[in-house]
C-alpha atoms as a PDB file:
ATOM      1  CA  UNK A   1     -39.430 -24.712  96.617  1.00  0.00           C
ATOM      2  CA  UNK A   2     -38.666 -27.213  99.364  1.00  0.00           C
ATOM      3  CA  UNK A   3     -41.240 -30.114 100.015  1.00  0.00           C
ATOM      4  CA  UNK A   4     -42.024 -30.416 103.386  1.00  0.00           C
ATOM      5  CA  UNK A   5     -43.890 -33.051 105.246  1.00  0.00           C
ATOM      6  CA  UNK A   6     -46.641 -32.595 107.955  1.00  0.00           C
ATOM      7  CA  UNK A   7     -48.573 -35.043 110.341  1.00  0.00           C
ATOM      8  CA  UNK A   8     -52.551 -34.298 110.110  1.00  0.00           C
ATOM      9  CA  UNK A   9     -53.067 -34.934 113.863  1.00  0.00           C
ATOM     10  CA  UNK A  10     -53.478 -32.314 116.166  1.00  0.00           C
ATOM     11  CA  UNK A  11     -50.356 -32.883 118.075  1.00  0.00           C
ATOM     12  CA  UNK A  12     -48.702 -31.030 115.131  1.00  0.00           C
ATOM     13  CA  UNK A  13     -50.923 -28.068 115.675  1.00  0.00           C
ATOM     14  CA  UNK A  14     -48.165 -25.867 118.286  1.00  0.00           C
ATOM     15  CA  UNK A  15     -45.504 -26.296 115.247  1.00  0.00           C
ATOM     16  CA  UNK A  16     -47.740 -25.480 112.299  1.00  0.00           C
ATOM     17  CA  UNK A  17     -50.236 -23.189 113.725  1.00  0.00           C
ATOM     18  CA  UNK A  18     -48.188 -19.869 113.052  1.00  0.00           C
ATOM     19  CA  UNK A  19     -47.549 -20.645 109.886  1.00  0.00           C
ATOM     20  CA  UNK A  20     -51.380 -22.089 108.754  1.00  0.00           C
ATOM     21  CA  UNK A  21     -52.319 -18.610 110.126  1.00  0.00           C
ATOM     22  CA  UNK A  22     -49.920 -16.500 107.996  1.00  0.00           C
ATOM     23  CA  UNK A  23     -48.249 -15.182 111.092  1.00  0.00           C
ATOM     24  CA  UNK A  24     -44.946 -16.590 110.512  1.00  0.00           C
ATOM     25  CA  UNK A  25     -43.561 -16.731 107.031  1.00  0.00           C
ATOM     26  CA  UNK A  26     -42.553 -19.949 105.384  1.00  0.00           C
ATOM     27  CA  UNK A  27     -40.927 -20.818 101.847  1.00  0.00           C
ATOM     28  CA  UNK A  28     -42.131 -24.228 101.127  1.00  0.00           C
ATOM     29  CA  UNK A  29     -44.847 -26.497  99.998  1.00  0.00           C
ATOM     30  CA  UNK A  30     -46.625 -28.531 102.859  1.00  0.00           C
ATOM     31  CA  UNK A  31     -47.384 -32.023 102.212  1.00  0.00           C
ATOM     32  CA  UNK A  32     -49.688 -34.123 104.815  1.00  0.00           C
ATOM     33  CA  UNK A  33     -49.409 -37.453 105.700  1.00  0.00           C
ATOM     34  CA  UNK A  34     -49.525 -39.845 108.411  1.00  0.00           C
ATOM     35  CA  UNK A  35     -46.347 -40.499 109.831  1.00  0.00           C
ATOM     36  CA  UNK A  36     -45.837 -43.929 107.910  1.00  0.00           C
ATOM     37  CA  UNK A  37     -46.498 -42.185 104.757  1.00  0.00           C
ATOM     38  CA  UNK A  38     -44.143 -39.190 105.452  1.00  0.00           C
ATOM     39  CA  UNK A  39     -41.398 -41.914 106.102  1.00  0.00           C
ATOM     40  CA  UNK A  40     -41.926 -43.688 102.760  1.00  0.00           C
ATOM     41  CA  UNK A  41     -41.850 -40.103 101.346  1.00  0.00           C
ATOM     42  CA  UNK A  42     -38.248 -39.233 102.698  1.00  0.00           C
ATOM     43  CA  UNK A  43     -36.939 -42.695 101.909  1.00  0.00           C
ATOM     44  CA  UNK A  44     -37.886 -42.034  98.499  1.00  0.00           C
ATOM     45  CA  UNK A  45     -36.580 -38.546  98.321  1.00  0.00           C
ATOM     46  CA  UNK A  46     -39.832 -37.341  97.468  1.00  0.00           C
ATOM     47  CA  UNK A  47     -39.672 -34.362 100.650  1.00  0.00           C
ATOM     48  CA  UNK A  48     -36.496 -32.283 101.591  1.00  0.00           C
ATOM     49  CA  UNK A  49     -37.750 -31.620 105.330  1.00  0.00           C
ATOM     50  CA  UNK A  50     -40.565 -33.627 107.302  1.00  0.00           C
ATOM     51  CA  UNK A  51     -41.668 -34.747 110.611  1.00  0.00           C
ATOM     52  CA  UNK A  52     -40.703 -38.260 110.551  1.00  0.00           C
ATOM     53  CA  UNK A  53     -40.823 -41.545 113.143  1.00  0.00           C
ATOM     54  CA  UNK A  54     -37.986 -41.389 115.064  1.00  0.00           C
ATOM     55  CA  UNK A  55     -37.471 -45.107 114.212  1.00  0.00           C
ATOM     56  CA  UNK A  56     -37.290 -43.630 110.484  1.00  0.00           C
ATOM     57  CA  UNK A  57     -33.953 -41.546 111.344  1.00  0.00           C
ATOM     58  CA  UNK A  58     -32.318 -44.452 112.925  1.00  0.00           C
ATOM     59  CA  UNK A  59     -33.242 -47.040 109.802  1.00  0.00           C
ATOM     60  CA  UNK A  60     -30.930 -44.704 107.954  1.00  0.00           C
ATOM     61  CA  UNK A  61     -29.091 -42.009 109.653  1.00  0.00           C
ATOM     62  CA  UNK A  62     -26.578 -41.723 106.887  1.00  0.00           C
ATOM     63  CA  UNK A  63     -29.377 -40.279 104.736  1.00  0.00           C
ATOM     64  CA  UNK A  64     -30.765 -37.777 107.195  1.00  0.00           C
ATOM     65  CA  UNK A  65     -29.751 -34.504 109.497  1.00  0.00           C
ATOM     66  CA  UNK A  66     -31.992 -33.858 112.302  1.00  0.00           C
ATOM     67  CA  UNK A  67     -33.171 -30.438 112.689  1.00  0.00           C
ATOM     68  CA  UNK A  68     -32.153 -28.851 116.390  1.00  0.00           C
ATOM     69  CA  UNK A  69     -34.263 -28.264 119.129  1.00  0.00           C
ATOM     70  CA  UNK A  70     -37.814 -29.641 117.416  1.00  0.00           C
ATOM     71  CA  UNK A  71     -39.395 -33.018 118.279  1.00  0.00           C
ATOM     72  CA  UNK A  72     -42.487 -34.596 119.752  1.00  0.00           C
ATOM     73  CA  UNK A  73     -41.835 -35.706 123.032  1.00  0.00           C
ATOM     74  CA  UNK A  74     -42.544 -36.407 126.030  1.00  0.00           C
ATOM     75  CA  UNK A  75     -41.311 -36.923 129.860  1.00  0.00           C
ATOM     76  CA  UNK A  76     -44.148 -39.305 131.337  1.00  0.00           C
ATOM     77  CA  UNK A  77     -47.757 -39.953 129.784  1.00  0.00           C
ATOM     78  CA  UNK A  78     -48.054 -38.814 126.205  1.00  0.00           C
ATOM     79  CA  UNK A  79     -52.079 -39.662 126.074  1.00  0.00           C
ATOM     80  CA  UNK A  80     -51.724 -40.443 122.239  1.00  0.00           C
ATOM     81  CA  UNK A  81     -50.154 -43.756 121.920  1.00  0.00           C
ATOM     82  CA  UNK A  82     -51.841 -46.311 123.983  1.00  0.00           C
ATOM     83  CA  UNK A  83     -52.020 -50.041 123.829  1.00  0.00           C
ATOM     84  CA  UNK A  84     -56.138 -50.521 124.796  1.00  0.00           C
ATOM     85  CA  UNK A  85     -56.082 -54.339 126.031  1.00  0.00           C
ATOM     86  CA  UNK A  86     -59.034 -56.438 127.352  1.00  0.00           C
ATOM     87  CA  UNK A  87     -56.190 -58.027 129.535  1.00  0.00           C
ATOM     88  CA  UNK A  88     -53.141 -57.053 131.238  1.00  0.00           C
ATOM     89  CA  UNK A  89     -50.133 -56.799 129.138  1.00  0.00           C
ATOM     90  CA  UNK A  90     -48.655 -59.543 130.688  1.00  0.00           C
ATOM     91  CA  UNK A  91     -51.108 -62.221 129.832  1.00  0.00           C
ATOM     92  CA  UNK A  92     -50.926 -61.148 126.511  1.00  0.00           C
ATOM     93  CA  UNK A  93     -48.566 -64.429 125.232  1.00  0.00           C
ATOM     94  CA  UNK A  94     -49.413 -65.839 121.858  1.00  0.00           C
ATOM     95  CA  UNK A  95     -52.627 -63.935 121.935  1.00  0.00           C
ATOM     96  CA  UNK A  96     -53.387 -61.227 118.774  1.00  0.00           C
ATOM     97  CA  UNK A  97     -52.418 -57.704 119.484  1.00  0.00           C
ATOM     98  CA  UNK A  98     -53.329 -55.237 116.159  1.00  0.00           C
ATOM     99  CA  UNK A  99     -50.793 -52.663 115.961  1.00  0.00           C
ATOM    100  CA  UNK A 100     -51.480 -49.290 114.246  1.00  0.00           C
ATOM    101  CA  UNK A 101     -49.611 -49.152 110.076  1.00  0.00           C
ATOM    102  CA  UNK A 102     -49.546 -45.420 111.157  1.00  0.00           C
ATOM    103  CA  UNK A 103     -46.191 -45.521 113.057  1.00  0.00           C
ATOM    104  CA  UNK A 104     -42.967 -47.174 113.068  1.00  0.00           C
ATOM    105  CA  UNK A 105     -42.006 -45.590 116.497  1.00  0.00           C
ATOM    106  CA  UNK A 106     -44.862 -46.301 118.648  1.00  0.00           C
ATOM    107  CA  UNK A 107     -44.839 -50.602 117.310  1.00  0.00           C
ATOM    108  CA  UNK A 108     -40.942 -50.612 117.921  1.00  0.00           C
ATOM    109  CA  UNK A 109     -41.450 -49.367 121.476  1.00  0.00           C
ATOM    110  CA  UNK A 110     -44.244 -51.414 121.926  1.00  0.00           C
ATOM    111  CA  UNK A 111     -42.372 -54.873 120.757  1.00  0.00           C
ATOM    112  CA  UNK A 112     -39.595 -53.595 123.740  1.00  0.00           C
ATOM    113  CA  UNK A 113     -41.986 -52.938 126.096  1.00  0.00           C
ATOM    114  CA  UNK A 114     -43.440 -56.958 125.609  1.00  0.00           C
ATOM    115  CA  UNK A 115     -39.878 -57.929 125.712  1.00  0.00           C
ATOM    116  CA  UNK A 116     -38.383 -56.508 128.825  1.00  0.00           C
ATOM    117  CA  UNK A 117     -41.180 -54.990 130.811  1.00  0.00           C
ATOM    118  CA  UNK A 118     -44.046 -57.360 130.202  1.00  0.00           C
ATOM    119  CA  UNK A 119     -41.927 -60.141 129.452  1.00  0.00           C
ATOM    120  CA  UNK A 120     -44.344 -62.188 126.551  1.00  0.00           C
ATOM    121  CA  UNK A 121     -44.770 -62.399 123.290  1.00  0.00           C
ATOM    122  CA  UNK A 122     -48.012 -61.783 121.788  1.00  0.00           C
ATOM    123  CA  UNK A 123     -48.948 -62.118 117.671  1.00  0.00           C
ATOM    124  CA  UNK A 124     -48.396 -58.935 116.056  1.00  0.00           C
ATOM    125  CA  UNK A 125     -50.904 -57.952 113.698  1.00  0.00           C
ATOM    126  CA  UNK A 126     -51.034 -54.944 111.532  1.00  0.00           C
ATOM    127  CA  UNK A 127     -54.408 -52.669 111.079  1.00  0.00           C
ATOM    128  CA  UNK A 128     -55.789 -49.825 110.616  1.00  0.00           C
ATOM    129  CA  UNK A 129     -56.704 -47.561 113.418  1.00  0.00           C
ATOM    130  CA  UNK A 130     -57.295 -44.133 112.603  1.00  0.00           C
ATOM    131  CA  UNK A 131     -60.625 -42.095 113.883  1.00  0.00           C
ATOM    132  CA  UNK A 132     -62.453 -43.285 110.659  1.00  0.00           C
ATOM    133  CA  UNK A 133     -61.923 -46.824 111.486  1.00  0.00           C
ATOM    134  CA  UNK A 134     -63.312 -46.654 115.126  1.00  0.00           C
ATOM    135  CA  UNK A 135     -66.774 -47.680 114.475  1.00  0.00           C
ATOM    136  CA  UNK A 136     -65.082 -51.298 112.568  1.00  0.00           C
ATOM    137  CA  UNK A 137     -62.672 -52.218 115.245  1.00  0.00           C
ATOM    138  CA  UNK A 138     -64.656 -55.145 116.090  1.00  0.00           C
ATOM    139  CA  UNK A 139     -64.375 -56.497 112.860  1.00  0.00           C
ATOM    140  CA  UNK A 140     -61.249 -58.140 113.372  1.00  0.00           C
ATOM    141  CA  UNK A 141     -60.372 -59.953 116.090  1.00  0.00           C
ATOM    142  CA  UNK A 142     -57.764 -59.164 118.817  1.00  0.00           C
ATOM    143  CA  UNK A 143     -57.254 -59.132 122.595  1.00  0.00           C
ATOM    144  CA  UNK A 144     -55.454 -55.382 122.322  1.00  0.00           C
ATOM    145  CA  UNK A 145     -54.924 -52.957 119.856  1.00  0.00           C
ATOM    146  CA  UNK A 146     -52.229 -49.945 119.673  1.00  0.00           C
ATOM    147  CA  UNK A 147     -53.752 -46.712 118.731  1.00  0.00           C
ATOM    148  CA  UNK A 148     -52.040 -43.505 118.271  1.00  0.00           C
ATOM    149  CA  UNK A 149     -52.946 -39.731 117.291  1.00  0.00           C
ATOM    150  CA  UNK A 150     -56.591 -38.437 117.473  1.00  0.00           C
ATOM    151  CA  UNK A 151     -58.281 -41.579 117.406  1.00  0.00           C
ATOM    152  CA  UNK A 152     -56.146 -42.826 120.858  1.00  0.00           C
ATOM    153  CA  UNK A 153     -57.132 -39.143 121.997  1.00  0.00           C
ATOM    154  CA  UNK A 154     -60.436 -39.860 121.637  1.00  0.00           C
ATOM    155  CA  UNK A 155     -60.940 -43.677 122.761  1.00  0.00           C
ATOM    156  CA  UNK A 156     -59.103 -42.865 126.237  1.00  0.00           C
ATOM    157  CA  UNK A 157     -60.910 -39.585 126.388  1.00  0.00           C
ATOM    158  CA  UNK A 158     -64.470 -41.511 125.786  1.00  0.00           C
ATOM    159  CA  UNK A 159     -63.421 -44.496 128.212  1.00  0.00           C
ATOM    160  CA  UNK A 160     -62.292 -42.225 130.846  1.00  0.00           C
ATOM    161  CA  UNK A 161     -65.528 -40.534 130.868  1.00  0.00           C
ATOM    162  CA  UNK A 162     -67.304 -44.129 131.109  1.00  0.00           C
ATOM    163  CA  UNK A 163     -68.225 -44.734 127.559  1.00  0.00           C
ATOM    164  CA  UNK A 164     -68.283 -47.951 126.021  1.00  0.00           C
ATOM    165  CA  UNK A 165     -64.477 -48.029 125.441  1.00  0.00           C
ATOM    166  CA  UNK A 166     -63.952 -48.390 129.154  1.00  0.00           C
ATOM    167  CA  UNK A 167     -65.538 -51.861 128.857  1.00  0.00           C
ATOM    168  CA  UNK A 168     -64.582 -53.017 125.831  1.00  0.00           C
ATOM    169  CA  UNK A 169     -60.534 -52.031 127.059  1.00  0.00           C
ATOM    170  CA  UNK A 170     -60.477 -52.476 130.809  1.00  0.00           C
ATOM    171  CA  UNK A 171     -56.659 -52.030 129.934  1.00  0.00           C
ATOM    172  CA  UNK A 172     -55.274 -48.467 128.897  1.00  0.00           C
ATOM    173  CA  UNK A 173     -51.630 -48.459 128.710  1.00  0.00           C
ATOM    174  CA  UNK A 174     -50.094 -45.269 127.630  1.00  0.00           C
ATOM    175  CA  UNK A 175     -46.602 -46.020 126.745  1.00  0.00           C
ATOM    176  CA  UNK A 176     -44.789 -42.848 126.934  1.00  0.00           C
ATOM    177  CA  UNK A 177     -45.425 -43.475 130.647  1.00  0.00           C
ATOM    178  CA  UNK A 178     -44.415 -47.167 130.362  1.00  0.00           C
ATOM    179  CA  UNK A 179     -41.360 -45.742 129.215  1.00  0.00           C
ATOM    180  CA  UNK A 180     -40.841 -43.435 131.895  1.00  0.00           C
ATOM    181  CA  UNK A 181     -41.624 -45.855 134.584  1.00  0.00           C
ATOM    182  CA  UNK A 182     -39.120 -48.313 132.596  1.00  0.00           C
ATOM    183  CA  UNK A 183     -36.228 -46.191 131.713  1.00  0.00           C
ATOM    184  CA  UNK A 184     -36.731 -43.083 133.969  1.00  0.00           C
ATOM    185  CA  UNK A 185     -36.141 -41.206 130.460  1.00  0.00           C
ATOM    186  CA  UNK A 186     -38.500 -38.876 128.409  1.00  0.00           C
ATOM    187  CA  UNK A 187     -39.484 -40.408 124.835  1.00  0.00           C
ATOM    188  CA  UNK A 188     -39.061 -38.901 121.777  1.00  0.00           C
ATOM    189  CA  UNK A 189     -41.801 -39.942 119.195  1.00  0.00           C
ATOM    190  CA  UNK A 190     -40.871 -37.987 116.077  1.00  0.00           C
ATOM    191  CA  UNK A 191     -38.174 -36.015 115.035  1.00  0.00           C
ATOM    192  CA  UNK A 192     -37.759 -33.539 112.179  1.00  0.00           C
ATOM    193  CA  UNK A 193     -35.364 -34.275 109.415  1.00  0.00           C
ATOM    194  CA  UNK A 194     -33.741 -32.567 106.296  1.00  0.00           C
ATOM    195  CA  UNK A 195     -32.394 -34.903 103.684  1.00  0.00           C
ATOM    196  CA  UNK A 196     -28.263 -34.230 103.461  1.00  0.00           C
ATOM    197  CA  UNK A 197     -29.028 -33.602 100.087  1.00  0.00           C
ATOM    198  CA  UNK A 198     -31.312 -30.667 100.597  1.00  0.00           C
ATOM    199  CA  UNK A 199     -29.832 -27.142 100.149  1.00  0.00           C
ATOM    200  CA  UNK A 200     -28.469 -25.817 103.806  1.00  0.00           C
ATOM    201  CA  UNK A 201     -29.985 -22.382 103.201  1.00  0.00           C
ATOM    202  CA  UNK A 202     -33.374 -22.972 102.333  1.00  0.00           C
ATOM    203  CA  UNK A 203     -33.731 -26.090 104.798  1.00  0.00           C
ATOM    204  CA  UNK A 204     -31.674 -23.373 107.244  1.00  0.00           C
ATOM    205  CA  UNK A 205     -35.110 -21.212 106.705  1.00  0.00           C
ATOM    206  CA  UNK A 206     -37.466 -23.806 106.601  1.00  0.00           C
ATOM    207  CA  UNK A 207     -36.220 -24.678 110.127  1.00  0.00           C
ATOM    208  CA  UNK A 208     -36.323 -21.209 111.707  1.00  0.00           C
ATOM    209  CA  UNK A 209     -39.917 -20.900 110.253  1.00  0.00           C
ATOM    210  CA  UNK A 210     -40.815 -24.230 111.940  1.00  0.00           C
ATOM    211  CA  UNK A 211     -39.343 -23.354 115.317  1.00  0.00           C
ATOM    212  CA  UNK A 212     -40.716 -19.123 115.110  1.00  0.00           C
ATOM    213  CA  UNK A 213     -44.039 -21.005 114.550  1.00  0.00           C
ATOM    214  CA  UNK A 214     -43.921 -23.530 117.196  1.00  0.00           C
ATOM    215  CA  UNK A 215     -43.055 -20.613 119.884  1.00  0.00           C
ATOM    216  CA  UNK A 216     -46.123 -18.853 118.771  1.00  0.00           C
ATOM    217  CA  UNK A 217     -47.902 -22.007 118.929  1.00  0.00           C
ATOM    218  CA  UNK A 218     -47.065 -22.991 122.631  1.00  0.00           C
ATOM    219  CA  UNK A 219     -47.959 -19.017 123.470  1.00  0.00           C
ATOM    220  CA  UNK A 220     -51.520 -20.010 121.629  1.00  0.00           C
ATOM    221  CA  UNK A 221     -52.663 -23.414 123.218  1.00  0.00           C
ATOM    222  CA  UNK A 222     -56.273 -22.146 124.017  1.00  0.00           C
ATOM    223  CA  UNK A 223     -56.805 -21.317 120.508  1.00  0.00           C
ATOM    224  CA  UNK A 224     -55.170 -24.151 118.570  1.00  0.00           C
ATOM    225  CA  UNK A 225     -57.242 -26.392 121.301  1.00  0.00           C
ATOM    226  CA  UNK A 226     -60.259 -24.847 120.755  1.00  0.00           C
ATOM    227  CA  UNK A 227     -59.482 -26.323 116.814  1.00  0.00           C
ATOM    228  CA  UNK A 228     -58.142 -29.296 117.713  1.00  0.00           C
ATOM    229  CA  UNK A 229     -61.460 -30.453 119.666  1.00  0.00           C
ATOM    230  CA  UNK A 230     -63.482 -29.523 116.333  1.00  0.00           C
ATOM    231  CA  UNK A 231     -60.706 -31.746 114.469  1.00  0.00           C
ATOM    232  CA  UNK A 232     -60.996 -34.511 116.761  1.00  0.00           C
ATOM    233  CA  UNK A 233     -64.049 -34.984 118.695  1.00  0.00           C
ATOM    234  CA  UNK A 234     -62.012 -34.652 121.846  1.00  0.00           C
ATOM    235  CA  UNK A 235     -63.368 -31.801 124.350  1.00  0.00           C
ATOM    236  CA  UNK A 236     -61.169 -28.788 124.093  1.00  0.00           C
ATOM    237  CA  UNK A 237     -60.201 -29.046 128.080  1.00  0.00           C
ATOM    238  CA  UNK A 238     -58.718 -32.647 127.425  1.00  0.00           C
ATOM    239  CA  UNK A 239     -57.099 -31.120 123.653  1.00  0.00           C
ATOM    240  CA  UNK A 240     -55.557 -28.278 125.587  1.00  0.00           C
ATOM    241  CA  UNK A 241     -54.169 -30.843 128.738  1.00  0.00           C
ATOM    242  CA  UNK A 242     -52.944 -32.758 125.808  1.00  0.00           C
ATOM    243  CA  UNK A 243     -50.519 -30.488 124.392  1.00  0.00           C
ATOM    244  CA  UNK A 244     -49.343 -29.039 127.873  1.00  0.00           C
ATOM    245  CA  UNK A 245     -48.087 -32.755 128.650  1.00  0.00           C
ATOM    246  CA  UNK A 246     -45.863 -32.331 125.067  1.00  0.00           C
ATOM    247  CA  UNK A 247     -42.466 -31.166 124.458  1.00  0.00           C
ATOM    248  CA  UNK A 248     -41.537 -29.710 121.115  1.00  0.00           C
ATOM    249  CA  UNK A 249     -38.243 -29.636 122.136  1.00  0.00           C
ATOM    250  CA  UNK A 250     -35.125 -32.061 122.061  1.00  0.00           C
ATOM    251  CA  UNK A 251     -33.197 -31.101 124.880  1.00  0.00           C
ATOM    252  CA  UNK A 252     -30.245 -32.941 126.343  1.00  0.00           C
ATOM    253  CA  UNK A 253     -32.442 -35.002 128.557  1.00  0.00           C
ATOM    254  CA  UNK A 254     -34.569 -35.823 125.355  1.00  0.00           C
ATOM    255  CA  UNK A 255     -31.640 -36.869 123.375  1.00  0.00           C
ATOM    256  CA  UNK A 256     -30.681 -39.378 125.915  1.00  0.00           C
ATOM    257  CA  UNK A 257     -33.833 -40.774 125.971  1.00  0.00           C
ATOM    258  CA  UNK A 258     -33.758 -41.241 121.955  1.00  0.00           C
ATOM    259  CA  UNK A 259     -30.343 -42.524 122.079  1.00  0.00           C
ATOM    260  CA  UNK A 260     -31.407 -45.036 124.759  1.00  0.00           C
ATOM    261  CA  UNK A 261     -34.274 -45.934 122.434  1.00  0.00           C
ATOM    262  CA  UNK A 262     -32.135 -46.417 119.603  1.00  0.00           C
ATOM    263  CA  UNK A 263     -29.500 -48.182 121.774  1.00  0.00           C
ATOM    264  CA  UNK A 264     -31.928 -51.033 122.408  1.00  0.00           C
ATOM    265  CA  UNK A 265     -33.458 -51.016 118.979  1.00  0.00           C
ATOM    266  CA  UNK A 266     -29.821 -51.793 118.043  1.00  0.00           C
ATOM    267  CA  UNK A 267     -29.182 -54.625 120.351  1.00  0.00           C
ATOM    268  CA  UNK A 268     -32.326 -56.027 119.211  1.00  0.00           C
ATOM    269  CA  UNK A 269     -31.231 -55.761 115.857  1.00  0.00           C
ATOM    270  CA  UNK A 270     -34.204 -53.672 114.575  1.00  0.00           C
ATOM    271  CA  UNK A 271     -32.182 -50.976 113.556  1.00  0.00           C
ATOM    272  CA  UNK A 272     -28.175 -50.147 112.421  1.00  0.00           C
ATOM    273  CA  UNK A 273     -25.635 -48.446 114.434  1.00  0.00           C
ATOM    274  CA  UNK A 274     -25.301 -44.960 113.836  1.00  0.00           C
ATOM    275  CA  UNK A 275     -25.097 -41.649 115.074  1.00  0.00           C
ATOM    276  CA  UNK A 276     -27.130 -38.149 115.864  1.00  0.00           C
ATOM    277  CA  UNK A 277     -26.057 -35.672 112.873  1.00  0.00           C
ATOM    278  CA  UNK A 278     -27.770 -32.278 112.922  1.00  0.00           C
ATOM    279  CA  UNK A 279     -28.352 -29.666 110.221  1.00  0.00           C
ATOM    280  CA  UNK A 280     -25.578 -27.239 110.530  1.00  0.00           C
ATOM    281  CA  UNK A 281     -25.756 -23.581 110.782  1.00  0.00           C
ATOM    282  CA  UNK A 282     -25.118 -21.671 107.481  1.00  0.00           C
END
């Protein structure tokens, strides 16, 4: 039985909802982990198939095969990858920016935006930014903080409703929206990959189940939004809006955005040059 990675954030609910409810058959063992943990497990060969940060694929493309038609993407605002700042990003040169330890892709995107859009160089420091860490945000000195996943959704929702986060972070920048404004392209935050050594037939079976489960999930976003609200503390309506703003495919425009992101990372020397390779049909 293949070991299959799953991010526990609500953004994966539409992909795994049908599997979790037994509506879609699934021949695999699900392993939960934040993005950086799943990246490490895949890199160590401890998972056969997983959702991973887009940068993890680029970092070692010769090791992985992309699963077609599956990604976590946005064509504009993503809502769950946010820079929360006391000042405008262009004023953060030399200042302390805490970046989430949970995501490689979001950090790489933030670095590109600072370099090419906001044209300044902050001091980047790794920090914890999960839901359980929110009460400790003031314990670390910083001018801005990159937050992803459910924690980002919670802070943004409370700030938009005039909560205490609004005064603490008057500048709230959505990185999906910033990328779209910069390049005109969608952004791919995460992809599903298989080890090249994974048995093709079994990997194709997992892929088919994930696609079927995603298709079920996209037809039942109301139900998933109610579940997401309970898990995240974000109102159901905001969860529904969040799901509606994401795209779980890898269409031609998404692939154009992905390759443009990789191209810029290659130029910056952050990942080796490579190619996109997909899991073959049986």
